[in-house]
Protein backbone atom coordinates (compact mmCIF):
# COMPACT_ATOMS: atom_id res chain seq x y z
CA UNK A 1 86.00 -77.76 -62.07
CA UNK A 2 84.54 -74.47 -61.83
CA UNK A 3 81.58 -74.15 -59.45
CA UNK A 4 79.36 -73.27 -62.38
CA UNK A 5 80.41 -76.19 -64.11
CA UNK A 6 79.54 -78.48 -60.94
CA UNK A 7 75.89 -76.93 -60.14
CA UNK A 8 75.43 -77.60 -64.08
CA UNK A 9 76.86 -81.58 -63.53
CA UNK A 10 74.59 -81.75 -60.49
CA UNK A 11 71.56 -80.32 -61.86
CA UNK A 12 72.02 -82.86 -65.30
CA UNK A 13 72.19 -85.62 -63.04
CA UNK A 14 69.47 -84.78 -60.75
CA UNK A 15 67.16 -84.17 -63.71
CA UNK A 16 68.22 -87.34 -65.62
CA UNK A 17 66.82 -90.09 -63.30
CA UNK A 18 63.87 -87.65 -62.57
CA UNK A 19 62.83 -87.90 -66.40
CA UNK A 20 63.28 -91.42 -66.22
CA UNK A 21 61.09 -92.30 -63.77
CA UNK A 22 58.74 -90.02 -64.75
CA UNK A 23 58.75 -91.62 -68.82
CA UNK A 24 58.82 -94.84 -67.48
CA UNK A 25 56.82 -94.88 -64.33
CA UNK A 26 54.86 -91.66 -64.24
CA UNK A 27 56.90 -91.32 -61.11
CA UNK A 28 57.64 -87.95 -60.01
CA UNK A 29 59.06 -85.67 -57.06
CA UNK A 30 56.41 -84.56 -54.47
CA UNK A 31 56.81 -80.95 -53.19
CA UNK A 32 58.49 -81.72 -50.16
CA UNK A 33 61.47 -83.21 -52.15
CA UNK A 34 61.71 -80.29 -55.02
CA UNK A 35 61.99 -77.73 -51.49
CA UNK A 36 65.00 -80.21 -49.99
CA UNK A 37 66.87 -80.29 -53.37
CA UNK A 38 66.95 -76.35 -52.74
CA UNK A 39 69.91 -77.25 -50.07
CA UNK A 40 72.25 -78.48 -51.89
CA UNK A 41 71.84 -75.78 -54.78
CA UNK A 42 72.20 -73.35 -52.27
CA UNK A 43 75.85 -75.29 -50.50
CA UNK A 44 76.73 -75.39 -54.26
CA UNK A 45 76.86 -71.77 -54.99
CA UNK A 46 78.59 -70.62 -51.23
CA UNK A 47 81.80 -72.46 -53.33
CA UNK A 48 81.84 -69.00 -54.88
CA UNK A 49 82.53 -67.54 -51.24
CA UNK A 50 84.80 -70.73 -50.04
CA UNK A 51 85.69 -73.96 -51.48
CA UNK A 52 85.70 -75.71 -48.22
CA UNK A 53 81.47 -76.42 -48.86
CA UNK A 54 82.18 -78.52 -51.32
CA UNK A 55 81.92 -81.69 -49.00
CA UNK A 56 79.18 -79.82 -46.81
CA UNK A 57 77.51 -79.89 -50.48
CA UNK A 58 78.26 -83.38 -51.06
CA UNK A 59 77.02 -84.68 -47.72
CA UNK A 60 73.87 -83.07 -48.27
CA UNK A 61 73.60 -84.63 -51.56
CA UNK A 62 73.99 -87.90 -50.77
CA UNK A 63 71.81 -87.99 -47.56
CA UNK A 64 69.04 -86.70 -49.60
CA UNK A 65 70.03 -89.33 -52.47
CA UNK A 66 69.83 -92.06 -49.97
CA UNK A 67 66.80 -90.67 -48.43
CA UNK A 68 65.14 -90.00 -51.72
CA UNK A 69 65.58 -93.81 -52.67
CA UNK A 70 64.68 -95.32 -49.53
CA UNK A 71 61.36 -93.74 -49.92
CA UNK A 72 60.97 -94.79 -53.55
CA UNK A 73 60.67 -98.46 -52.47
CA UNK A 74 57.43 -97.37 -50.29
CA UNK A 75 55.86 -96.61 -53.21
CA UNK A 76 52.93 -98.63 -53.81
CA UNK A 77 52.50 -100.69 -57.19
CA UNK A 78 49.52 -100.88 -60.02
CA UNK A 79 48.46 -103.78 -58.56
CA UNK A 80 47.96 -103.08 -55.13
CA UNK A 81 44.53 -101.32 -56.24
CA UNK A 82 41.74 -101.96 -57.44
CA UNK A 83 39.33 -99.32 -58.40
CA UNK A 84 35.51 -100.11 -59.48
CA UNK A 85 32.68 -97.52 -60.89
CA UNK A 86 28.61 -97.78 -59.78
CA UNK A 87 26.40 -95.49 -61.58
CA UNK A 88 23.06 -95.71 -63.77
CA UNK A 89 23.07 -95.67 -67.36
CA UNK A 90 20.99 -92.77 -67.92
CA UNK A 91 21.28 -88.96 -66.66
CA UNK A 92 18.65 -86.26 -67.11
CA UNK A 93 20.01 -82.59 -68.39
CA UNK A 94 20.45 -80.24 -65.16
CA UNK A 95 19.51 -82.94 -62.67
CA UNK A 96 21.85 -84.79 -59.95
CA UNK A 97 23.21 -88.51 -60.87
CA UNK A 98 25.17 -90.11 -58.22
CA UNK A 99 28.28 -91.96 -58.93
CA UNK A 100 29.84 -94.60 -56.60
CA UNK A 101 33.62 -95.43 -56.63
CA UNK A 102 34.92 -98.38 -54.89
CA UNK A 103 39.18 -98.72 -54.16
CA UNK A 104 40.63 -101.47 -52.90
CA UNK A 105 44.00 -101.48 -51.20
CA UNK A 106 44.88 -105.42 -51.33
CA UNK A 107 48.65 -104.35 -49.56
CA UNK A 108 49.45 -104.95 -46.64
CA UNK A 109 50.70 -101.27 -46.02
CA UNK A 110 48.19 -98.09 -45.28
CA UNK A 111 48.66 -95.78 -48.22
CA UNK A 112 47.54 -91.86 -48.76
CA UNK A 113 46.37 -91.04 -52.10
CA UNK A 114 43.92 -89.19 -54.29
CA UNK A 115 41.26 -90.29 -56.84
CA UNK A 116 40.01 -88.47 -59.77
CA UNK A 117 37.47 -89.89 -62.65
CA UNK A 118 37.80 -89.40 -65.73
CA UNK A 119 34.45 -87.42 -66.35
CA UNK A 120 34.05 -85.15 -69.29
CA UNK A 121 33.97 -81.26 -67.23
CA UNK A 122 30.49 -80.28 -69.33
CA UNK A 123 29.26 -82.96 -67.20
CA UNK A 124 30.02 -81.08 -63.86
CA UNK A 125 31.34 -83.27 -61.23
CA UNK A 126 31.23 -82.47 -57.88
CA UNK A 127 33.61 -83.12 -56.00
CA UNK A 128 35.67 -83.10 -58.87
CA UNK A 129 38.25 -84.65 -57.20
CA UNK A 130 39.09 -86.76 -53.77
CA UNK A 131 42.31 -85.86 -52.02
CA UNK A 132 44.21 -86.94 -49.13
CA UNK A 133 42.24 -90.56 -48.65
CA UNK A 134 43.81 -92.72 -45.90
CA UNK A 135 43.42 -96.33 -47.06
CA UNK A 136 44.29 -98.80 -44.29
CA UNK A 137 46.14 -102.13 -45.52
CA UNK A 138 43.44 -104.67 -46.76
CA UNK A 139 40.44 -102.04 -46.92
CA UNK A 140 38.06 -101.03 -48.98
CA UNK A 141 36.82 -97.12 -49.54
CA UNK A 142 33.46 -96.18 -50.97
CA UNK A 143 33.50 -92.36 -52.61
CA UNK A 144 30.47 -90.51 -53.56
CA UNK A 145 30.19 -87.98 -56.03
CA UNK A 146 27.47 -86.16 -58.37
CA UNK A 147 27.30 -85.17 -61.59
CA UNK A 148 24.90 -82.10 -62.94
CA UNK A 149 24.97 -82.57 -66.86
CA UNK A 150 25.09 -79.12 -68.65
CA UNK A 151 24.81 -80.66 -71.80
CA UNK A 152 22.70 -83.76 -72.98
CA UNK A 153 24.46 -86.58 -75.04
CA UNK A 154 26.68 -89.57 -74.47
CA UNK A 155 29.32 -89.74 -72.63
CA UNK A 156 31.92 -92.13 -71.75
CA UNK A 157 33.91 -92.34 -68.52
CA UNK A 158 36.71 -94.74 -69.46
CA UNK A 159 39.73 -94.75 -66.84
CA UNK A 160 39.70 -94.07 -63.31
CA UNK A 161 43.41 -91.46 -61.91
CA UNK A 162 44.97 -92.72 -58.99
CA UNK A 163 47.92 -90.55 -57.16
CA UNK A 164 49.42 -92.07 -54.55
CA UNK A 165 52.66 -90.89 -51.91
CA UNK A 166 54.97 -92.38 -50.87
CA UNK A 167 55.69 -93.32 -46.70
CA UNK A 168 57.55 -89.52 -46.06
CA UNK A 169 55.29 -88.00 -48.90
CA UNK A 170 58.58 -87.05 -50.95
CA UNK A 171 57.14 -88.81 -54.05
CA UNK A 172 53.74 -89.39 -56.03
CA UNK A 173 53.52 -92.26 -58.53
CA UNK A 174 50.53 -91.45 -61.13
CA UNK A 175 48.82 -94.81 -62.13
CA UNK A 176 45.47 -95.12 -64.55
CA UNK A 177 42.88 -97.91 -64.11
CA UNK A 178 40.75 -99.12 -67.36
CA UNK A 179 36.52 -98.46 -66.05
CA UNK A 180 34.72 -97.74 -68.96
CA UNK A 181 30.80 -97.11 -68.19
CA UNK A 182 28.28 -95.25 -70.23
CA UNK A 183 25.92 -92.27 -69.64
CA UNK A 184 23.03 -91.10 -71.92
CA UNK A 185 22.31 -87.65 -70.95
CA UNK A 186 18.73 -86.97 -71.95
CA UNK A 187 16.28 -84.08 -71.09
CA UNK A 188 14.57 -83.80 -68.27
CA UNK A 189 12.72 -87.26 -67.30
CA UNK A 190 12.41 -86.35 -64.00
CA UNK A 191 9.56 -84.36 -64.74
CA UNK A 192 7.51 -86.85 -66.20
CA UNK A 193 7.30 -88.80 -61.87
CA UNK A 194 6.36 -85.50 -60.40
CA UNK A 195 3.61 -85.29 -63.11
CA UNK A 196 2.65 -88.71 -62.44
CA UNK A 197 2.84 -87.96 -59.01
CA UNK A 198 0.91 -84.58 -59.01
CA UNK A 199 -1.61 -86.39 -61.12
CA UNK A 200 -2.43 -88.89 -59.46
CA UNK A 201 -3.02 -86.54 -56.19
CA UNK A 202 -5.02 -84.06 -58.28
CA UNK A 203 -2.43 -81.65 -57.20
CA UNK A 204 -1.99 -80.72 -60.57
CA UNK A 205 -2.19 -76.84 -60.35
CA UNK A 206 1.45 -76.91 -58.60
CA UNK A 207 3.05 -77.16 -62.08
CA UNK A 208 0.77 -74.69 -63.29
CA UNK A 209 -1.87 -77.25 -65.49
CA UNK A 210 -5.45 -76.18 -64.93
CA UNK A 211 -8.51 -78.12 -65.19
CA UNK A 212 -10.06 -77.36 -68.51
CA UNK A 213 -14.00 -77.88 -68.74
CA UNK A 214 -15.24 -79.84 -71.69
CA UNK A 215 -17.68 -78.53 -74.02
CA UNK A 216 -19.99 -81.15 -75.75
CA UNK A 217 -19.45 -84.80 -73.58
CA UNK A 218 -17.72 -87.64 -74.29
CA UNK A 219 -19.16 -91.17 -73.85
CA UNK A 220 -16.68 -93.50 -72.21
CA UNK A 221 -16.86 -93.70 -68.53
CA UNK A 222 -12.97 -94.04 -66.89
CA UNK A 223 -13.26 -93.52 -63.34
CA UNK A 224 -15.08 -91.98 -59.85
CA UNK A 225 -14.02 -89.46 -58.11
CA UNK A 226 -14.70 -86.54 -56.04
CA UNK A 227 -16.66 -83.73 -56.54
CA UNK A 228 -15.34 -80.55 -57.31
CA UNK A 229 -16.97 -76.92 -57.75
CA UNK A 230 -16.52 -77.07 -61.77
CA UNK A 231 -18.27 -80.44 -62.29
CA UNK A 232 -22.07 -80.51 -63.56
CA UNK A 233 -24.07 -81.72 -61.08
CA UNK A 234 -25.49 -83.67 -63.97
CA UNK A 235 -22.87 -86.09 -63.67
CA UNK A 236 -23.22 -87.04 -59.82
CA UNK A 237 -23.46 -90.89 -58.73
CA UNK A 238 -26.12 -91.27 -56.48
CA UNK A 239 -25.60 -94.43 -55.56
CA UNK A 240 -21.30 -94.10 -55.00
CA UNK A 241 -22.25 -91.06 -53.20
CA UNK A 242 -24.90 -92.95 -50.89
CA UNK A 243 -22.25 -95.44 -50.67
CA UNK A 244 -19.34 -92.77 -49.31
CA UNK A 245 -21.30 -90.65 -48.11
CA UNK A 246 -19.07 -88.20 -49.82
CA UNK A 247 -20.36 -86.26 -53.77
CA UNK A 248 -18.97 -88.38 -56.31
CA UNK A 249 -18.88 -88.15 -59.77
CA UNK A 250 -18.25 -90.16 -63.05
CA UNK A 251 -15.35 -89.11 -64.84
CA UNK A 252 -15.24 -89.74 -68.86
CA UNK A 253 -12.38 -90.44 -71.04
CA UNK A 254 -11.37 -87.90 -73.79
CA UNK A 255 -11.38 -88.61 -77.22
CA UNK A 256 -8.50 -90.68 -78.19
CA UNK A 257 -6.72 -92.07 -81.17
CA UNK A 258 -5.64 -87.88 -82.12
CA UNK A 259 -2.08 -86.94 -83.57
CA UNK A 260 0.11 -84.50 -82.09
CA UNK A 261 3.35 -84.23 -84.12
CA UNK A 262 6.30 -81.81 -82.78
CA UNK A 263 8.55 -79.61 -85.71
CA UNK A 264 11.02 -78.86 -83.49
CA UNK A 265 13.38 -75.89 -85.07
CA UNK A 266 17.36 -76.59 -84.51
CA UNK A 267 18.98 -74.42 -86.27
CA UNK A 268 20.36 -70.90 -84.82
CA UNK A 269 17.25 -69.06 -83.76
CA UNK A 270 17.73 -71.86 -80.88
CA UNK A 271 21.07 -71.29 -79.85
CA UNK A 272 20.49 -68.89 -77.22
CA UNK A 273 20.44 -70.17 -73.75
CA UNK A 274 17.52 -69.04 -70.78
CA UNK A 275 18.71 -70.53 -66.99
CA UNK A 276 22.05 -72.11 -68.13
CA UNK A 277 19.91 -74.64 -70.71
CA UNK A 278 19.46 -73.74 -74.41
CA UNK A 279 16.26 -72.72 -75.86
CA UNK A 280 16.25 -76.51 -77.55
CA UNK A 281 16.82 -78.04 -74.80
CA UNK A 282 14.02 -76.14 -73.19
CA UNK A 283 11.72 -77.35 -76.52
CA UNK A 284 12.81 -80.61 -75.79
CA UNK A 285 11.89 -80.56 -71.93
CA UNK A 286 8.58 -79.30 -72.61
CA UNK A 287 8.41 -81.90 -75.87
CA UNK A 288 8.90 -84.79 -73.59
CA UNK A 289 6.29 -83.38 -71.30
CA UNK A 290 3.58 -82.96 -73.26
CA UNK A 291 4.52 -86.81 -75.49
CA UNK A 292 4.02 -88.75 -72.04
CA UNK A 293 0.39 -86.68 -71.30
CA UNK A 294 -0.34 -87.17 -74.82
CA UNK A 295 0.40 -90.85 -74.51
CA UNK A 296 -1.50 -91.62 -71.22
CA UNK A 297 -4.27 -89.83 -73.28
CA UNK A 298 -3.60 -92.97 -76.05
CA UNK A 299 -3.45 -90.94 -78.30
CA UNK A 300 -0.23 -90.64 -80.68
CA UNK A 301 2.93 -88.48 -80.58
CA UNK A 302 5.32 -87.94 -82.98
CA UNK A 303 8.54 -85.74 -83.58
CA UNK A 304 10.43 -84.00 -86.32
CA UNK A 305 13.78 -82.42 -85.77
CA UNK A 306 14.89 -80.17 -88.57
CA UNK A 307 17.87 -77.13 -89.21
CA UNK A 308 18.96 -76.90 -92.64
CA UNK A 309 17.74 -80.22 -93.46
CA UNK A 310 15.80 -83.11 -91.39
CA UNK A 311 17.76 -84.48 -88.87
CA UNK A 312 15.30 -86.77 -87.40
CA UNK A 313 11.39 -87.84 -87.56
CA UNK A 314 9.70 -90.33 -85.34
CA UNK A 315 6.25 -91.13 -87.32
CA UNK A 316 3.47 -90.66 -84.55
CA UNK A 317 2.43 -93.69 -82.72
CA UNK A 318 0.63 -94.65 -79.28
CA UNK A 319 1.94 -96.77 -76.65
CA UNK A 320 4.18 -95.86 -73.74
CA UNK A 321 7.56 -97.39 -75.69
CA UNK A 322 6.65 -94.60 -78.01
CA UNK A 323 8.77 -92.31 -75.08
CA UNK A 324 12.03 -94.14 -75.68
CA UNK A 325 12.18 -93.68 -79.46
CA UNK A 326 11.16 -89.45 -78.70
CA UNK A 327 13.87 -89.83 -75.90
CA UNK A 328 16.87 -91.43 -78.70
CA UNK A 329 15.68 -89.03 -81.59
CA UNK A 330 16.60 -85.90 -79.26
CA UNK A 331 18.67 -86.85 -76.40
CA UNK A 332 21.99 -85.89 -79.14
CA UNK A 333 20.53 -83.53 -80.95
CA UNK A 334 22.23 -79.90 -81.09
CA UNK A 335 21.41 -76.62 -81.96
CA UNK A 336 23.33 -75.53 -85.42
CA UNK A 337 24.08 -72.58 -86.66
CA UNK A 338 22.44 -72.44 -89.89
CA UNK A 339 19.54 -70.94 -91.47
CA UNK A 340 16.49 -73.19 -90.58
CA UNK A 341 14.39 -74.65 -93.68
CA UNK A 342 11.08 -74.06 -92.80
CA UNK A 343 10.17 -74.53 -96.00
CA UNK A 344 11.99 -78.54 -96.26
CA UNK A 345 9.78 -79.44 -92.51
CA UNK A 346 6.67 -78.58 -93.64
CA UNK A 347 7.10 -80.21 -97.38
CA UNK A 348 8.73 -83.74 -95.19
CA UNK A 349 5.19 -83.15 -93.01
CA UNK A 350 3.09 -82.94 -95.76
CA UNK A 351 4.15 -86.42 -97.18
CA UNK A 352 5.01 -87.93 -94.00
CA UNK A 353 1.83 -86.78 -91.75
CA UNK A 354 -1.06 -87.14 -93.95
CA UNK A 355 -4.00 -87.53 -91.01
CA UNK A 356 -4.59 -84.61 -89.50
CA UNK A 357 -2.96 -83.73 -86.53
CA UNK A 358 -2.28 -81.24 -83.91
CA UNK A 359 1.47 -79.70 -85.28
CA UNK A 360 3.19 -77.90 -82.76
CA UNK A 361 6.14 -75.63 -83.98
CA UNK A 362 8.79 -75.20 -81.33
CA UNK A 363 11.07 -71.98 -82.72
CA UNK A 364 11.85 -68.60 -82.37
CA UNK A 365 11.41 -65.29 -84.20
CA UNK A 366 14.07 -62.18 -84.46
CA UNK A 367 13.80 -60.87 -87.95
CA UNK A 368 11.16 -60.74 -90.91
CA UNK A 369 12.86 -62.84 -92.62
CA UNK A 370 12.30 -65.77 -90.52
CA UNK A 371 8.57 -64.01 -89.03
CA UNK A 372 7.19 -64.26 -92.34
CA UNK A 373 8.34 -67.94 -93.13
CA UNK A 374 6.77 -69.41 -90.20
CA UNK A 375 3.39 -67.31 -90.82
CA UNK A 376 3.20 -68.31 -94.56
CA UNK A 377 3.98 -72.30 -93.98
CA UNK A 378 1.90 -72.55 -90.10
CA UNK A 379 -0.69 -71.10 -91.53
CA UNK A 380 -1.34 -72.82 -94.13
CA UNK A 381 -1.83 -75.88 -92.45
CA UNK A 382 -4.86 -74.50 -90.95
CA UNK A 383 -7.93 -77.06 -92.43
CA UNK A 384 -6.05 -79.64 -92.96
CA UNK A 385 -4.23 -79.80 -89.59
CA UNK A 386 -4.44 -77.99 -86.38
CA UNK A 387 -1.08 -75.60 -86.06
CA UNK A 388 -0.06 -74.25 -82.45
CA UNK A 389 3.06 -72.45 -82.41
CA UNK A 390 5.55 -71.95 -79.71
CA UNK A 391 7.39 -68.63 -80.11
CA UNK A 392 9.95 -68.22 -77.14
CA UNK A 393 10.74 -65.49 -75.30
CA UNK A 394 13.91 -63.57 -74.79
CA UNK A 395 14.71 -62.27 -71.17
CA UNK A 396 16.77 -59.23 -72.67
CA UNK A 397 14.34 -58.03 -74.51
CA UNK A 398 12.35 -58.13 -71.65
CA UNK A 399 14.69 -56.88 -69.13
CA UNK A 400 15.32 -54.09 -71.12
CA UNK A 401 11.51 -52.79 -71.11
CA UNK A 402 11.09 -53.16 -67.45
CA UNK A 403 13.47 -50.63 -66.55
CA UNK A 404 12.20 -48.11 -64.39
CA UNK A 405 13.08 -44.30 -65.90
CA UNK A 406 15.68 -45.37 -67.91
CA UNK A 407 18.22 -42.96 -68.90
CA UNK A 408 21.32 -42.58 -71.46
CA UNK A 409 21.97 -45.92 -73.01
CA UNK A 410 19.25 -47.64 -71.09
CA UNK A 411 16.77 -45.71 -72.75
CA UNK A 412 18.37 -46.22 -76.19
CA UNK A 413 18.09 -49.83 -75.23
CA UNK A 414 14.43 -50.04 -74.24
CA UNK A 415 13.09 -47.68 -77.18
CA UNK A 416 14.42 -50.40 -79.31
CA UNK A 417 13.66 -53.73 -77.15
CA UNK A 418 10.44 -51.64 -77.37
CA UNK A 419 9.99 -51.62 -80.86
CA UNK A 420 10.81 -55.18 -81.62
CA UNK A 421 8.27 -56.03 -78.61
CA UNK A 422 5.91 -54.50 -80.70
CA UNK A 423 6.48 -55.50 -83.97
CA UNK A 424 6.64 -59.52 -82.47
CA UNK A 425 3.23 -58.91 -80.99
CA UNK A 426 1.79 -58.03 -84.47
CA UNK A 427 3.44 -61.05 -85.85
CA UNK A 428 1.42 -63.62 -83.36
CA UNK A 429 -1.78 -61.63 -84.39
CA UNK A 430 -1.40 -61.91 -87.79
CA UNK A 431 -1.02 -65.68 -87.55
CA UNK A 432 -3.77 -66.15 -85.21
CA UNK A 433 -5.85 -64.11 -87.14
CA UNK A 434 -4.74 -66.81 -89.52
CA UNK A 435 -6.07 -69.79 -87.85
CA UNK A 436 -3.11 -70.25 -85.86
CA UNK A 437 -2.93 -71.01 -82.57
CA UNK A 438 -0.41 -69.29 -80.70
CA UNK A 439 1.77 -69.32 -77.58
CA UNK A 440 4.37 -66.65 -76.50
CA UNK A 441 6.14 -67.50 -73.53
CA UNK A 442 9.41 -67.78 -71.65
CA UNK A 443 11.64 -70.85 -72.76
CA UNK A 444 11.53 -71.96 -68.70
CA UNK A 445 7.54 -71.44 -68.44
CA UNK A 446 6.82 -73.24 -71.90
CA UNK A 447 5.76 -76.60 -70.52
CA UNK A 448 2.53 -75.70 -67.83
CA UNK A 449 1.06 -73.89 -71.03
CA UNK A 450 1.72 -75.97 -73.40
CA UNK A 451 0.22 -78.64 -71.96
CA UNK A 452 -2.60 -76.18 -70.99
CA UNK A 453 -3.22 -75.74 -74.57
CA UNK A 454 -3.10 -79.45 -75.33
CA UNK A 455 -5.99 -79.91 -72.89
CA UNK A 456 -7.78 -76.99 -74.25
CA UNK A 457 -7.89 -78.55 -78.15
CA UNK A 458 -8.88 -81.84 -76.37
CA UNK A 459 -11.94 -80.49 -74.26
CA UNK A 460 -13.24 -78.01 -77.12
CA UNK A 461 -12.96 -81.43 -79.60
CA UNK A 462 -10.86 -78.88 -82.23
CA UNK A 463 -9.27 -82.30 -83.79
C-alpha cells in the first residue's frame, strides 16, 4: 500500500463518521479538533521520507481518536436545556423594541454555549447573537437584546438556535428549540405618547406645533387654563382668577364631528427613502399623528391607500378605537413600483365619502404626467370638499442647489436641480390658485406642518 493510498483511506475514515455525526446529530468538529487532525496528516506525508513514521502516524491517530471520542461523550443532550422568549407583540418602526430570552441548564454539569434567535435581519437585532455563555449546573440565565425594525409588517420568530461546546472544546453541537412569537411592526406610535405628554404640559411648541388663534368663536366651554399673551382678554374668568390669584381664561371646544380623509399614494412615487425610511413610512407616521390629534378633537378620520388599485379603505369614524383600524390598514402596506391611478382613487372617494371633508392627499411629483393628474383631480374637489395636497421634497434636489460655487459636473447638476425646483414651485402655485391648500415639506418634517394646517382649518372654520 502506497503512502498516498494510506493517506486517502485515512481521510475517508475521518470524513465518513464526521458526515454521519453532522447529519444525525448536528455535531461538528470545532477549530481545535481540526488543527489536531493536521498532526497525523503531516506524519503520514513523512512516510515519503522514511517508512518508520508509519508507527508514529498510527499512534497519533489513535491518541486523537481516543481523546475525540471521550470529549464527544461530554456534549450535552437536547433535553438538558430549556429556552423561552418574552417580547411585546407590537413594535414601532425604527424604534427600540426589547426582547428577553431565558436559557435554563437542567443538567448537573456546566456548559459553554452560544445562542442566536430566529430574527429576520430587517428587524436589526443588537446584538445579533450571544457567544461564550457560561452556564453553571442547574442555572438559569437571562439574555436581553434590542430590535430596531427597519420595515413595517408582521414577523414571526419561530425558533431559537443553541450552540453547545464539549468540555475540551473539540466538538460543537447545534440544537434548535421551537419557540414561536409574533411581532407586528407598526408605523411610529411612540410619537403619540410623546404628543400626549407635551399637550398636557402645554409644550407642543417643542414638536413644532403652534397655537392658532381662532377666527370667530366656538361656544362650548371646555376647560380653564392659564392666560397667555395670545388670548383675548374678554375670555378672562375673573372669579377663577381671584380664586387662583393668577390670570385664568376660559377655553372653548372647537367645532366637532368634522371629517378628515387621507388619500395616501402607495405607488412608485413613494419608493424613495429619507433618513432610512421610505416616503410611504413617513406618510403613515404623519397620518397616524394627525389622526390621533383629530380623534382627540372628536372629529372623524378615514383612510384610503391606493396605487394602480385601491388597496384598502377605512370609513371615517370617530372614537379612539378608530386608531386600531387605521393601524391595521397600513402596517403591512408597502410601496409598489407601479404607476398610481389618481383617477381611480378620486372616483372611489366620491362614491364612499359624500359629506364635506378635509381630504389630505400625500404623494410626490417628479414629472408633468403625475403633476397634471394630481392638479386635475385634487383641484376638482374644491367646493365639495376641502383639498390639502402634501408633496414630499427630495433631499438630493435641494442638496444639489445648495452647493456653494459649483464647478464642472456639480454646476450642471445644480442647474438641472434648480430647473426642476422652479417647475415644482410653479405646480404648487397653480394648484393653490385653483383652490387647493398645499404643503411642500421634507418627509421627516411633515408631521408638525400637517398638524398646524389642520389646526388652522379648525380655527378658521373652513370646514
